[in-house]
Amino acid sequence: QVQLVESGGGLVQAGASLELSCAHSGRGRNGLAVAWFRQRPGEEREFVGGITWRNNTRVSDSLKDRFAISRSNAKEIVYLQVNQLKPEDTAVYYCAADWVYNGPNSLVYLFWGQGTQVTVSS
């Protein structure tokens, strides 16, 4: 079983930056691809970006100028760096993982974390 735990969210002012973390553990964690999603209030869950086991990354076109994804050297943590935050970035941010990289299809990922709240004030 694989466990995912997100952290790093909080309440910040517009223009601030945060580094969100997704720690994955448990037997079978090697070989995982990890994706980030977010769900804004009243909206459907949307794809933010992802990283493969070989550290190829992708970020949504609408966010790639401000967001970036990386992984720790030991591949135990995947990071989502979020810069120049705007009020419309307020959302619960989730990480998801699978042994196959599924891109933006949130219905396919096998493992999910509990999410971390990001709130951006005006």
PDB file of N, CA and C in Angstrom:
ATOM      1  N   GLN A   1       0.836  -1.179   0.000  1.00  0.00           N
ATOM      2  CA  GLN A   1       0.000   0.000   0.000  1.00  0.00           C
ATOM      3  C   GLN A   1       0.883   1.245   0.000  1.00  0.00           C
ATOM      4  N   VAL A   2       0.487   2.246  -0.793  1.00  0.00           N
ATOM      5  CA  VAL A   2       1.191   3.515  -0.884  1.00  0.00           C
ATOM      6  C   VAL A   2       0.385   4.577  -0.150  1.00  0.00           C
ATOM      7  N   GLN A   3       1.074   5.378   0.651  1.00  0.00           N
ATOM      8  CA  GLN A   3       0.444   6.491   1.348  1.00  0.00           C
ATOM      9  C   GLN A   3       1.007   7.807   0.834  1.00  0.00           C
ATOM     10  N   LEU A   4       0.138   8.804   0.662  1.00  0.00           N
ATOM     11  CA  LEU A   4       0.524  10.131   0.217  1.00  0.00           C
ATOM     12  C   LEU A   4       0.060  11.148   1.244  1.00  0.00           C
ATOM     13  N   VAL A   5       0.937  12.077   1.603  1.00  0.00           N
ATOM     14  CA  VAL A   5       0.610  13.119   2.565  1.00  0.00           C
ATOM     15  C   VAL A   5       1.065  14.457   2.012  1.00  0.00           C
ATOM     16  N   GLU A   6       0.121  15.388   1.837  1.00  0.00           N
ATOM     17  CA  GLU A   6       0.439  16.731   1.378  1.00  0.00           C
ATOM     18  C   GLU A   6       0.670  17.646   2.579  1.00  0.00           C
ATOM     19  N   SER A   7       1.496  18.655   2.376  1.00  0.00           N
ATOM     20  CA  SER A   7       1.729  19.663   3.395  1.00  0.00           C
ATOM     21  C   SER A   7       2.199  20.946   2.722  1.00  0.00           C
ATOM     22  N   GLY A   8       2.247  22.027   3.478  1.00  0.00           N
ATOM     23  CA  GLY A   8       2.799  23.279   2.992  1.00  0.00           C
ATOM     24  C   GLY A   8       1.784  24.352   2.664  1.00  0.00           C
ATOM     25  N   GLY A   9       0.503  24.040   2.728  1.00  0.00           N
ATOM     26  CA  GLY A   9      -0.510  25.044   2.456  1.00  0.00           C
ATOM     27  C   GLY A   9      -0.638  26.040   3.589  1.00  0.00           C
ATOM     28  N   GLY A  10      -1.468  27.047   3.375  1.00  0.00           N
ATOM     29  CA  GLY A  10      -1.674  28.054   4.388  1.00  0.00           C
ATOM     30  C   GLY A  10      -2.419  29.247   3.853  1.00  0.00           C
ATOM     31  N   LEU A  11      -2.547  30.259   4.701  1.00  0.00           N
ATOM     32  CA  LEU A  11      -3.186  31.520   4.348  1.00  0.00           C
ATOM     33  C   LEU A  11      -2.105  32.547   4.054  1.00  0.00           C
ATOM     34  N   VAL A  12      -2.107  33.081   2.830  1.00  0.00           N
ATOM     35  CA  VAL A  12      -1.083  34.036   2.410  1.00  0.00           C
ATOM     36  C   VAL A  12      -1.730  35.197   1.679  1.00  0.00           C
ATOM     37  N   GLN A  13      -0.964  36.264   1.529  1.00  0.00           N
ATOM     38  CA  GLN A  13      -1.406  37.417   0.763  1.00  0.00           C
ATOM     39  C   GLN A  13      -1.103  37.242  -0.714  1.00  0.00           C
ATOM     40  N   ALA A  14      -1.849  37.919  -1.551  1.00  0.00           N
ATOM     41  CA  ALA A  14      -1.589  37.897  -2.981  1.00  0.00           C
ATOM     42  C   ALA A  14      -0.148  38.304  -3.261  1.00  0.00           C
ATOM     43  N   GLY A  15       0.495  37.575  -4.173  1.00  0.00           N
ATOM     44  CA  GLY A  15       1.874  37.821  -4.516  1.00  0.00           C
ATOM     45  C   GLY A  15       2.868  36.947  -3.777  1.00  0.00           C
ATOM     46  N   ALA A  16       2.428  36.250  -2.748  1.00  0.00           N
ATOM     47  CA  ALA A  16       3.308  35.386  -1.971  1.00  0.00           C
ATOM     48  C   ALA A  16       3.590  34.084  -2.708  1.00  0.00           C
ATOM     49  N   SER A  17       4.539  33.320  -2.175  1.00  0.00           N
ATOM     50  CA  SER A  17       4.901  32.024  -2.719  1.00  0.00           C
ATOM     51  C   SER A  17       4.793  30.954  -1.645  1.00  0.00           C
ATOM     52  N   LEU A  18       4.545  29.733  -2.075  1.00  0.00           N
ATOM     53  CA  LEU A  18       4.509  28.585  -1.189  1.00  0.00           C
ATOM     54  C   LEU A  18       5.183  27.406  -1.864  1.00  0.00           C
ATOM     55  N   GLU A  19       5.721  26.497  -1.056  1.00  0.00           N
ATOM     56  CA  GLU A  19       6.208  25.227  -1.558  1.00  0.00           C
ATOM     57  C   GLU A  19       5.378  24.124  -0.923  1.00  0.00           C
ATOM     58  N   LEU A  20       4.577  23.466  -1.733  1.00  0.00           N
ATOM     59  CA  LEU A  20       3.771  22.353  -1.269  1.00  0.00           C
ATOM     60  C   LEU A  20       4.551  21.053  -1.440  1.00  0.00           C
ATOM     61  N   SER A  21       4.356  20.131  -0.508  1.00  0.00           N
ATOM     62  CA  SER A  21       5.066  18.863  -0.537  1.00  0.00           C
ATOM     63  C   SER A  21       4.086  17.705  -0.587  1.00  0.00           C
ATOM     64  N   CYS A  22       4.473  16.674  -1.306  1.00  0.00           N
ATOM     65  CA  CYS A  22       3.742  15.417  -1.329  1.00  0.00           C
ATOM     66  C   CYS A  22       4.732  14.317  -0.996  1.00  0.00           C
ATOM     67  N   ALA A  23       4.627  13.788   0.209  1.00  0.00           N
ATOM     68  CA  ALA A  23       5.493  12.705   0.644  1.00  0.00           C
ATOM     69  C   ALA A  23       4.802  11.378   0.396  1.00  0.00           C
ATOM     70  N   HIS A  24       5.494  10.469  -0.270  1.00  0.00           N
ATOM     71  CA  HIS A  24       4.913   9.156  -0.527  1.00  0.00           C
ATOM     72  C   HIS A  24       5.772   8.082   0.122  1.00  0.00           C
ATOM     73  N   SER A  25       5.104   7.103   0.677  1.00  0.00           N
ATOM     74  CA  SER A  25       5.776   6.059   1.429  1.00  0.00           C
ATOM     75  C   SER A  25       5.015   4.750   1.297  1.00  0.00           C
ATOM     76  N   GLY A  26       5.584   3.707   1.874  1.00  0.00           N
ATOM     77  CA  GLY A  26       4.960   2.400   1.850  1.00  0.00           C
ATOM     78  C   GLY A  26       5.610   1.475   0.836  1.00  0.00           C
ATOM     79  N   ARG A  27       5.415   0.204   1.041  1.00  0.00           N
ATOM     80  CA  ARG A  27       5.954  -0.784   0.124  1.00  0.00           C
ATOM     81  C   ARG A  27       5.360  -0.589  -1.268  1.00  0.00           C
ATOM     82  N   GLY A  28       6.216  -0.601  -2.271  1.00  0.00           N
ATOM     83  CA  GLY A  28       5.780  -0.406  -3.635  1.00  0.00           C
ATOM     84  C   GLY A  28       5.854   1.024  -4.121  1.00  0.00           C
ATOM     85  N   ARG A  29       6.404   1.937  -3.302  1.00  0.00           N
ATOM     86  CA  ARG A  29       6.442   3.342  -3.683  1.00  0.00           C
ATOM     87  C   ARG A  29       7.425   3.626  -4.812  1.00  0.00           C
ATOM     88  N   ASN A  30       8.442   2.789  -4.978  1.00  0.00           N
ATOM     89  CA  ASN A  30       9.379   2.997  -6.069  1.00  0.00           C
ATOM     90  C   ASN A  30       8.665   2.854  -7.407  1.00  0.00           C
ATOM     91  N   GLY A  31       9.027   3.710  -8.361  1.00  0.00           N
ATOM     92  CA  GLY A  31       8.436   3.664  -9.674  1.00  0.00           C
ATOM     93  C   GLY A  31       7.200   4.518  -9.856  1.00  0.00           C
ATOM     94  N   LEU A  32       6.808   5.284  -8.840  1.00  0.00           N
ATOM     95  CA  LEU A  32       5.577   6.065  -8.906  1.00  0.00           C
ATOM     96  C   LEU A  32       5.734   7.325  -9.738  1.00  0.00           C
ATOM     97  N   ALA A  33       4.707   7.613 -10.522  1.00  0.00           N
ATOM     98  CA  ALA A  33       4.516   8.931 -11.097  1.00  0.00           C
ATOM     99  C   ALA A  33       3.538   9.694 -10.213  1.00  0.00           C
ATOM    100  N   VAL A  34       3.749  10.989 -10.067  1.00  0.00           N
ATOM    101  CA  VAL A  34       2.942  11.796  -9.157  1.00  0.00           C
ATOM    102  C   VAL A  34       2.394  13.008  -9.895  1.00  0.00           C
ATOM    103  N   ALA A  35       1.141  13.318  -9.653  1.00  0.00           N
ATOM    104  CA  ALA A  35       0.504  14.485 -10.241  1.00  0.00           C
ATOM    105  C   ALA A  35      -0.111  15.353  -9.150  1.00  0.00           C
ATOM    106  N   TRP A  36      -0.213  16.635  -9.431  1.00  0.00           N
ATOM    107  CA  TRP A  36      -0.896  17.579  -8.565  1.00  0.00           C
ATOM    108  C   TRP A  36      -2.191  18.025  -9.220  1.00  0.00           C
ATOM    109  N   PHE A  37      -3.250  18.077  -8.429  1.00  0.00           N
ATOM    110  CA  PHE A  37      -4.539  18.600  -8.832  1.00  0.00           C
ATOM    111  C   PHE A  37      -4.973  19.645  -7.811  1.00  0.00           C
ATOM    112  N   ARG A  38      -5.924  20.465  -8.197  1.00  0.00           N
ATOM    113  CA  ARG A  38      -6.513  21.391  -7.236  1.00  0.00           C
ATOM    114  C   ARG A  38      -8.013  21.488  -7.478  1.00  0.00           C
ATOM    115  N   GLN A  39      -8.738  21.817  -6.429  1.00  0.00           N
ATOM    116  CA  GLN A  39     -10.172  22.002  -6.524  1.00  0.00           C
ATOM    117  C   GLN A  39     -10.537  23.330  -5.862  1.00  0.00           C
ATOM    118  N   ARG A  40     -10.930  24.279  -6.683  1.00  0.00           N
ATOM    119  CA  ARG A  40     -11.348  25.580  -6.189  1.00  0.00           C
ATOM    120  C   ARG A  40     -12.800  25.515  -5.737  1.00  0.00           C
ATOM    121  N   PRO A  41     -13.205  26.398  -4.829  1.00  0.00           N
ATOM    122  CA  PRO A  41     -14.569  26.351  -4.298  1.00  0.00           C
ATOM    123  C   PRO A  41     -15.615  26.389  -5.406  1.00  0.00           C
ATOM    124  N   GLY A  42     -16.505  25.430  -5.390  1.00  0.00           N
ATOM    125  CA  GLY A  42     -17.575  25.369  -6.367  1.00  0.00           C
ATOM    126  C   GLY A  42     -17.168  24.922  -7.751  1.00  0.00           C
ATOM    127  N   GLU A  43     -15.904  24.517  -7.930  1.00  0.00           N
ATOM    128  CA  GLU A  43     -15.401  24.131  -9.241  1.00  0.00           C
ATOM    129  C   GLU A  43     -15.011  22.658  -9.264  1.00  0.00           C
ATOM    130  N   GLU A  44     -14.878  22.129 -10.469  1.00  0.00           N
ATOM    131  CA  GLU A  44     -14.411  20.765 -10.637  1.00  0.00           C
ATOM    132  C   GLU A  44     -12.905  20.693 -10.396  1.00  0.00           C
ATOM    133  N   ARG A  45     -12.444  19.524 -10.033  1.00  0.00           N
ATOM    134  CA  ARG A  45     -11.024  19.300  -9.835  1.00  0.00           C
ATOM    135  C   ARG A  45     -10.280  19.486 -11.157  1.00  0.00           C
ATOM    136  N   GLU A  46      -9.151  20.172 -11.119  1.00  0.00           N
ATOM    137  CA  GLU A  46      -8.392  20.444 -12.320  1.00  0.00           C
ATOM    138  C   GLU A  46      -6.938  20.015 -12.167  1.00  0.00           C
ATOM    139  N   PHE A  47      -6.335  19.677 -13.289  1.00  0.00           N
ATOM    140  CA  PHE A  47      -4.955  19.243 -13.332  1.00  0.00           C
ATOM    141  C   PHE A  47      -4.010  20.427 -13.192  1.00  0.00           C
ATOM    142  N   VAL A  48      -3.009  20.291 -12.341  1.00  0.00           N
ATOM    143  CA  VAL A  48      -1.996  21.321 -12.165  1.00  0.00           C
ATOM    144  C   VAL A  48      -0.702  20.935 -12.868  1.00  0.00           C
ATOM    145  N   GLY A  49      -0.204  19.749 -12.600  1.00  0.00           N
ATOM    146  CA  GLY A  49       1.016  19.281 -13.221  1.00  0.00           C
ATOM    147  C   GLY A  49       1.379  17.903 -12.724  1.00  0.00           C
ATOM    148  N   GLY A  50       2.437  17.341 -13.288  1.00  0.00           N
ATOM    149  CA  GLY A  50       2.853  16.017 -12.883  1.00  0.00           C
ATOM    150  C   GLY A  50       4.317  15.780 -13.152  1.00  0.00           C
ATOM    151  N   ILE A  51       4.828  14.694 -12.586  1.00  0.00           N
ATOM    152  CA  ILE A  51       6.219  14.309 -12.756  1.00  0.00           C
ATOM    153  C   ILE A  51       6.292  12.796 -12.849  1.00  0.00           C
ATOM    154  N   THR A  52       7.073  12.300 -13.793  1.00  0.00           N
ATOM    155  CA  THR A  52       7.245  10.865 -13.949  1.00  0.00           C
ATOM    156  C   THR A  52       8.342  10.360 -13.027  1.00  0.00           C
ATOM    157  N   TRP A  53       8.484   9.048 -12.935  1.00  0.00           N
ATOM    158  CA  TRP A  53       9.543   8.459 -12.125  1.00  0.00           C
ATOM    159  C   TRP A  53      10.910   8.897 -12.614  1.00  0.00           C
ATOM    160  N   ARG A  54      11.044   9.150 -13.901  1.00  0.00           N
ATOM    161  CA  ARG A  54      12.308   9.609 -14.465  1.00  0.00           C
ATOM    162  C   ARG A  54      12.451  11.126 -14.432  1.00  0.00           C
ATOM    163  N   ASN A  55      11.546  11.792 -13.731  1.00  0.00           N
ATOM    164  CA  ASN A  55      11.600  13.231 -13.470  1.00  0.00           C
ATOM    165  C   ASN A  55      11.315  14.109 -14.680  1.00  0.00           C
ATOM    166  N   ASN A  56      10.583  13.591 -15.648  1.00  0.00           N
ATOM    167  CA  ASN A  56      10.023  14.452 -16.676  1.00  0.00           C
ATOM    168  C   ASN A  56       8.805  15.158 -16.090  1.00  0.00           C
ATOM    169  N   THR A  57       8.697  16.453 -16.312  1.00  0.00           N
ATOM    170  CA  THR A  57       7.644  17.241 -15.677  1.00  0.00           C
ATOM    171  C   THR A  57       6.724  17.901 -16.697  1.00  0.00           C
ATOM    172  N   ARG A  58       5.528  18.203 -16.245  1.00  0.00           N
ATOM    173  CA  ARG A  58       4.556  18.942 -17.030  1.00  0.00           C
ATOM    174  C   ARG A  58       3.740  19.798 -16.083  1.00  0.00           C
ATOM    175  N   VAL A  59       3.475  21.027 -16.487  1.00  0.00           N
ATOM    176  CA  VAL A  59       2.604  21.932 -15.752  1.00  0.00           C
ATOM    177  C   VAL A  59       1.567  22.473 -16.721  1.00  0.00           C
ATOM    178  N   SER A  60       0.343  22.604 -16.255  1.00  0.00           N
ATOM    179  CA  SER A  60      -0.733  23.146 -17.061  1.00  0.00           C
ATOM    180  C   SER A  60      -0.309  24.460 -17.713  1.00  0.00           C
ATOM    181  N   ASP A  61      -0.693  24.648 -18.978  1.00  0.00           N
ATOM    182  CA  ASP A  61      -0.290  25.839 -19.712  1.00  0.00           C
ATOM    183  C   ASP A  61      -0.697  27.130 -19.009  1.00  0.00           C
ATOM    184  N   SER A  62      -1.829  27.113 -18.338  1.00  0.00           N
ATOM    185  CA  SER A  62      -2.318  28.308 -17.680  1.00  0.00           C
ATOM    186  C   SER A  62      -1.550  28.645 -16.405  1.00  0.00           C
ATOM    187  N   LEU A  63      -0.735  27.712 -15.912  1.00  0.00           N
ATOM    188  CA  LEU A  63      -0.037  27.889 -14.647  1.00  0.00           C
ATOM    189  C   LEU A  63       1.475  27.815 -14.761  1.00  0.00           C
ATOM    190  N   LYS A  64       1.994  27.405 -15.906  1.00  0.00           N
ATOM    191  CA  LYS A  64       3.411  27.088 -16.013  1.00  0.00           C
ATOM    192  C   LYS A  64       4.325  28.291 -15.821  1.00  0.00           C
ATOM    193  N   ASP A  65       3.799  29.498 -15.956  1.00  0.00           N
ATOM    194  CA  ASP A  65       4.621  30.679 -15.729  1.00  0.00           C
ATOM    195  C   ASP A  65       4.832  30.970 -14.252  1.00  0.00           C
ATOM    196  N   ARG A  66       4.027  30.356 -13.380  1.00  0.00           N
ATOM    197  CA  ARG A  66       4.116  30.621 -11.949  1.00  0.00           C
ATOM    198  C   ARG A  66       4.357  29.381 -11.107  1.00  0.00           C
ATOM    199  N   PHE A  67       4.028  28.207 -11.619  1.00  0.00           N
ATOM    200  CA  PHE A  67       4.127  26.962 -10.858  1.00  0.00           C
ATOM    201  C   PHE A  67       5.232  26.083 -11.418  1.00  0.00           C
ATOM    202  N   ALA A  68       5.846  25.264 -10.556  1.00  0.00           N
ATOM    203  CA  ALA A  68       6.874  24.330 -10.982  1.00  0.00           C
ATOM    204  C   ALA A  68       6.826  23.077 -10.117  1.00  0.00           C
ATOM    205  N   ILE A  69       7.178  21.954 -10.717  1.00  0.00           N
ATOM    206  CA  ILE A  69       7.182  20.671 -10.026  1.00  0.00           C
ATOM    207  C   ILE A  69       8.590  20.103 -10.012  1.00  0.00           C
ATOM    208  N   SER A  70       8.981  19.525  -8.884  1.00  0.00           N
ATOM    209  CA  SER A  70      10.274  18.876  -8.763  1.00  0.00           C
ATOM    210  C   SER A  70      10.163  17.730  -7.767  1.00  0.00           C
ATOM    211  N   ARG A  71      11.243  16.956  -7.637  1.00  0.00           N
ATOM    212  CA  ARG A  71      11.259  15.813  -6.738  1.00  0.00           C
ATOM    213  C   ARG A  71      12.571  15.787  -5.961  1.00  0.00           C
ATOM    214  N   SER A  72      12.511  15.301  -4.727  1.00  0.00           N
ATOM    215  CA  SER A  72      13.711  15.158  -3.923  1.00  0.00           C
ATOM    216  C   SER A  72      14.640  14.137  -4.562  1.00  0.00           C
ATOM    217  N   ASN A  73      15.928  14.239  -4.213  1.00  0.00           N
ATOM    218  CA  ASN A  73      16.909  13.336  -4.807  1.00  0.00           C
ATOM    219  C   ASN A  73      16.608  11.869  -4.530  1.00  0.00           C
ATOM    220  N   ALA A  74      16.086  11.580  -3.357  1.00  0.00           N
ATOM    221  CA  ALA A  74      15.734  10.210  -2.990  1.00  0.00           C
ATOM    222  C   ALA A  74      14.363   9.804  -3.511  1.00  0.00           C
ATOM    223  N   LYS A  75      13.663  10.704  -4.167  1.00  0.00           N
ATOM    224  CA  LYS A  75      12.344  10.469  -4.752  1.00  0.00           C
ATOM    225  C   LYS A  75      11.295  10.107  -3.719  1.00  0.00           C
ATOM    226  N   GLU A  76      11.436  10.636  -2.519  1.00  0.00           N
ATOM    227  CA  GLU A  76      10.456  10.421  -1.461  1.00  0.00           C
ATOM    228  C   GLU A  76       9.432  11.546  -1.373  1.00  0.00           C
ATOM    229  N   ILE A  77       9.758  12.707  -1.943  1.00  0.00           N
ATOM    230  CA  ILE A  77       8.900  13.880  -1.867  1.00  0.00           C
ATOM    231  C   ILE A  77       8.811  14.531  -3.235  1.00  0.00           C
ATOM    232  N   VAL A  78       7.604  14.892  -3.639  1.00  0.00           N
ATOM    233  CA  VAL A  78       7.386  15.693  -4.831  1.00  0.00           C
ATOM    234  C   VAL A  78       6.921  17.073  -4.388  1.00  0.00           C
ATOM    235  N   TYR A  79       7.525  18.114  -4.962  1.00  0.00           N
ATOM    236  CA  TYR A  79       7.232  19.477  -4.581  1.00  0.00           C
ATOM    237  C   TYR A  79       6.428  20.191  -5.661  1.00  0.00           C
ATOM    238  N   LEU A  80       5.558  21.055  -5.221  1.00  0.00           N
ATOM    239  CA  LEU A  80       4.875  21.993  -6.106  1.00  0.00           C
ATOM    240  C   LEU A  80       5.195  23.400  -5.609  1.00  0.00           C
ATOM    241  N   GLN A  81       6.030  24.109  -6.355  1.00  0.00           N
ATOM    242  CA  GLN A  81       6.359  25.489  -6.040  1.00  0.00           C
ATOM    243  C   GLN A  81       5.329  26.395  -6.694  1.00  0.00           C
ATOM    244  N   VAL A  82       4.675  27.214  -5.895  1.00  0.00           N
ATOM    245  CA  VAL A  82       3.649  28.115  -6.403  1.00  0.00           C
ATOM    246  C   VAL A  82       4.077  29.541  -6.093  1.00  0.00           C
ATOM    247  N   ASN A  83       4.203  30.362  -7.135  1.00  0.00           N
ATOM    248  CA  ASN A  83       4.705  31.724  -7.012  1.00  0.00           C
ATOM    249  C   ASN A  83       3.653  32.733  -7.449  1.00  0.00           C
ATOM    250  N   GLN A  84       3.827  33.965  -6.975  1.00  0.00           N
ATOM    251  CA  GLN A  84       2.936  35.063  -7.343  1.00  0.00           C
ATOM    252  C   GLN A  84       1.472  34.649  -7.233  1.00  0.00           C
ATOM    253  N   LEU A  85       1.117  34.163  -6.071  1.00  0.00           N
ATOM    254  CA  LEU A  85      -0.220  33.629  -5.857  1.00  0.00           C
ATOM    255  C   LEU A  85      -1.285  34.703  -5.992  1.00  0.00           C
ATOM    256  N   LYS A  86      -2.414  34.299  -6.543  1.00  0.00           N
ATOM    257  CA  LYS A  86      -3.561  35.161  -6.754  1.00  0.00           C
ATOM    258  C   LYS A  86      -4.753  34.614  -5.980  1.00  0.00           C
ATOM    259  N   PRO A  87      -5.730  35.456  -5.665  1.00  0.00           N
ATOM    260  CA  PRO A  87      -6.914  34.949  -4.958  1.00  0.00           C
ATOM    261  C   PRO A  87      -7.585  33.781  -5.666  1.00  0.00           C
ATOM    262  N   GLU A  88      -7.558  33.749  -6.990  1.00  0.00           N
ATOM    263  CA  GLU A  88      -8.172  32.657  -7.719  1.00  0.00           C
ATOM    264  C   GLU A  88      -7.407  31.345  -7.612  1.00  0.00           C
ATOM    265  N   ASP A  89      -6.212  31.375  -7.006  1.00  0.00           N
ATOM    266  CA  ASP A  89      -5.472  30.151  -6.725  1.00  0.00           C
ATOM    267  C   ASP A  89      -5.956  29.462  -5.456  1.00  0.00           C
ATOM    268  N   THR A  90      -6.839  30.101  -4.716  1.00  0.00           N
ATOM    269  CA  THR A  90      -7.389  29.503  -3.502  1.00  0.00           C
ATOM    270  C   THR A  90      -8.068  28.187  -3.834  1.00  0.00           C
ATOM    271  N   ALA A  91      -7.620  27.109  -3.200  1.00  0.00           N
ATOM    272  CA  ALA A  91      -8.117  25.779  -3.515  1.00  0.00           C
ATOM    273  C   ALA A  91      -7.534  24.775  -2.533  1.00  0.00           C
ATOM    274  N   VAL A  92      -8.087  23.578  -2.549  1.00  0.00           N
ATOM    275  CA  VAL A  92      -7.445  22.439  -1.924  1.00  0.00           C
ATOM    276  C   VAL A  92      -6.557  21.788  -2.978  1.00  0.00           C
ATOM    277  N   TYR A  93      -5.297  21.606  -2.645  1.00  0.00           N
ATOM    278  CA  TYR A  93      -4.334  21.020  -3.567  1.00  0.00           C
ATOM    279  C   TYR A  93      -4.069  19.578  -3.163  1.00  0.00           C
ATOM    280  N   TYR A  94      -4.231  18.669  -4.113  1.00  0.00           N
ATOM    281  CA  TYR A  94      -4.079  17.241  -3.882  1.00  0.00           C
ATOM    282  C   TYR A  94      -2.919  16.692  -4.704  1.00  0.00           C
ATOM    283  N   CYS A  95      -2.257  15.686  -4.174  1.00  0.00           N
ATOM    284  CA  CYS A  95      -1.355  14.901  -5.006  1.00  0.00           C
ATOM    285  C   CYS A  95      -1.945  13.518  -5.216  1.00  0.00           C
ATOM    286  N   ALA A  96      -1.608  12.940  -6.350  1.00  0.00           N
ATOM    287  CA  ALA A  96      -2.085  11.623  -6.729  1.00  0.00           C
ATOM    288  C   ALA A  96      -0.931  10.859  -7.347  1.00  0.00           C
ATOM    289  N   ALA A  97      -0.973   9.535  -7.250  1.00  0.00           N
ATOM    290  CA  ALA A  97       0.139   8.733  -7.735  1.00  0.00           C
ATOM    291  C   ALA A  97      -0.343   7.423  -8.326  1.00  0.00           C
ATOM    292  N   ASP A  98       0.473   6.900  -9.203  1.00  0.00           N
ATOM    293  CA  ASP A  98       0.230   5.596  -9.803  1.00  0.00           C
ATOM    294  C   ASP A  98       1.545   5.122 -10.403  1.00  0.00           C
ATOM    295  N   TRP A  99       1.619   3.843 -10.704  1.00  0.00           N
ATOM    296  CA  TRP A  99       2.814   3.313 -11.356  1.00  0.00           C
ATOM    297  C   TRP A  99       2.817   3.584 -12.856  1.00  0.00           C
ATOM    298  N   VAL A 100       1.724   4.093 -13.367  1.00  0.00           N
ATOM    299  CA  VAL A 100       1.632   4.573 -14.737  1.00  0.00           C
ATOM    300  C   VAL A 100       1.300   6.055 -14.686  1.00  0.00           C
ATOM    301  N   TYR A 101       1.994   6.855 -15.472  1.00  0.00           N
ATOM    302  CA  TYR A 101       1.687   8.278 -15.523  1.00  0.00           C
ATOM    303  C   TYR A 101       0.428   8.478 -16.352  1.00  0.00           C
ATOM    304  N   ASN A 102      -0.608   9.015 -15.730  1.00  0.00           N
ATOM    305  CA  ASN A 102      -1.917   9.148 -16.352  1.00  0.00           C
ATOM    306  C   ASN A 102      -2.234  10.565 -16.817  1.00  0.00           C
ATOM    307  N   GLY A 103      -1.280  11.475 -16.717  1.00  0.00           N
ATOM    308  CA  GLY A 103      -1.511  12.831 -17.165  1.00  0.00           C
ATOM    309  C   GLY A 103      -2.628  13.507 -16.396  1.00  0.00           C
ATOM    310  N   PRO A 104      -3.496  14.248 -17.096  1.00  0.00           N
ATOM    311  CA  PRO A 104      -4.516  15.050 -16.414  1.00  0.00           C
ATOM    312  C   PRO A 104      -5.785  14.309 -16.029  1.00  0.00           C
ATOM    313  N   ASN A 105      -5.862  13.022 -16.286  1.00  0.00           N
ATOM    314  CA  ASN A 105      -7.081  12.260 -16.022  1.00  0.00           C
ATOM    315  C   ASN A 105      -7.152  11.885 -14.544  1.00  0.00           C
ATOM    316  N   SER A 106      -7.874  12.654 -13.761  1.00  0.00           N
ATOM    317  CA  SER A 106      -7.940  12.440 -12.324  1.00  0.00           C
ATOM    318  C   SER A 106      -8.676  11.175 -11.927  1.00  0.00           C
ATOM    319  N   LEU A 107      -9.461  10.607 -12.828  1.00  0.00           N
ATOM    320  CA  LEU A 107     -10.238   9.415 -12.519  1.00  0.00           C
ATOM    321  C   LEU A 107      -9.396   8.146 -12.520  1.00  0.00           C
ATOM    322  N   VAL A 108      -8.187   8.203 -13.016  1.00  0.00           N
ATOM    323  CA  VAL A 108      -7.374   7.017 -13.233  1.00  0.00           C
ATOM    324  C   VAL A 108      -6.381   6.774 -12.098  1.00  0.00           C
ATOM    325  N   TYR A 109      -5.907   7.815 -11.446  1.00  0.00           N
ATOM    326  CA  TYR A 109      -4.860   7.658 -10.438  1.00  0.00           C
ATOM    327  C   TYR A 109      -5.304   6.763  -9.294  1.00  0.00           C
ATOM    328  N   LEU A 110      -4.421   5.870  -8.880  1.00  0.00           N
ATOM    329  CA  LEU A 110      -4.762   4.852  -7.903  1.00  0.00           C
ATOM    330  C   LEU A 110      -4.712   5.357  -6.463  1.00  0.00           C
ATOM    331  N   PHE A 111      -3.763   6.231  -6.160  1.00  0.00           N
ATOM    332  CA  PHE A 111      -3.555   6.701  -4.786  1.00  0.00           C
ATOM    333  C   PHE A 111      -3.726   8.206  -4.710  1.00  0.00           C
ATOM    334  N   TRP A 112      -4.322   8.666  -3.607  1.00  0.00           N
ATOM    335  CA  TRP A 112      -4.588  10.083  -3.384  1.00  0.00           C
ATOM    336  C   TRP A 112      -4.258  10.465  -1.954  1.00  0.00           C
ATOM    337  N   GLY A 113      -3.767  11.689  -1.788  1.00  0.00           N
ATOM    338  CA  GLY A 113      -3.590  12.244  -0.462  1.00  0.00           C
ATOM    339  C   GLY A 113      -4.852  12.942   0.015  1.00  0.00           C
ATOM    340  N   GLN A 114      -4.778  13.513   1.222  1.00  0.00           N
ATOM    341  CA  GLN A 114      -5.929  14.170   1.827  1.00  0.00           C
ATOM    342  C   GLN A 114      -6.091  15.617   1.381  1.00  0.00           C
ATOM    343  N   GLY A 115      -5.065  16.200   0.789  1.00  0.00           N
ATOM    344  CA  GLY A 115      -5.123  17.568   0.325  1.00  0.00           C
ATOM    345  C   GLY A 115      -4.569  18.553   1.332  1.00  0.00           C
ATOM    346  N   THR A 116      -4.118  19.699   0.835  1.00  0.00           N
ATOM    347  CA  THR A 116      -3.668  20.795   1.684  1.00  0.00           C
ATOM    348  C   THR A 116      -4.304  22.084   1.176  1.00  0.00           C
ATOM    349  N   GLN A 117      -4.814  22.881   2.102  1.00  0.00           N
ATOM    350  CA  GLN A 117      -5.566  24.080   1.750  1.00  0.00           C
ATOM    351  C   GLN A 117      -4.627  25.246   1.494  1.00  0.00           C
ATOM    352  N   VAL A 118      -4.822  25.908   0.363  1.00  0.00           N
ATOM    353  CA  VAL A 118      -4.140  27.158   0.060  1.00  0.00           C
ATOM    354  C   VAL A 118      -5.194  28.247  -0.050  1.00  0.00           C
ATOM    355  N   THR A 119      -5.055  29.284   0.747  1.00  0.00           N
ATOM    356  CA  THR A 119      -5.977  30.408   0.720  1.00  0.00           C
ATOM    357  C   THR A 119      -5.188  31.685   0.481  1.00  0.00           C
ATOM    358  N   VAL A 120      -5.578  32.437  -0.538  1.00  0.00           N
ATOM    359  CA  VAL A 120      -4.866  33.648  -0.927  1.00  0.00           C
ATOM    360  C   VAL A 120      -5.801  34.835  -0.746  1.00  0.00           C
ATOM    361  N   SER A 121      -5.414  35.771   0.088  1.00  0.00           N
ATOM    362  CA  SER A 121      -6.214  36.959   0.341  1.00  0.00           C
ATOM    363  C   SER A 121      -5.848  38.068  -0.636  1.00  0.00           C
ATOM    364  N   SER A 122      -6.778  38.992  -0.836  1.00  0.00           N
ATOM    365  CA  SER A 122      -6.564  40.106  -1.757  1.00  0.00           C
ATOM    366  C   SER A 122      -5.558  41.096  -1.202  1.00  0.00           C
TER     367      SER A 122
END
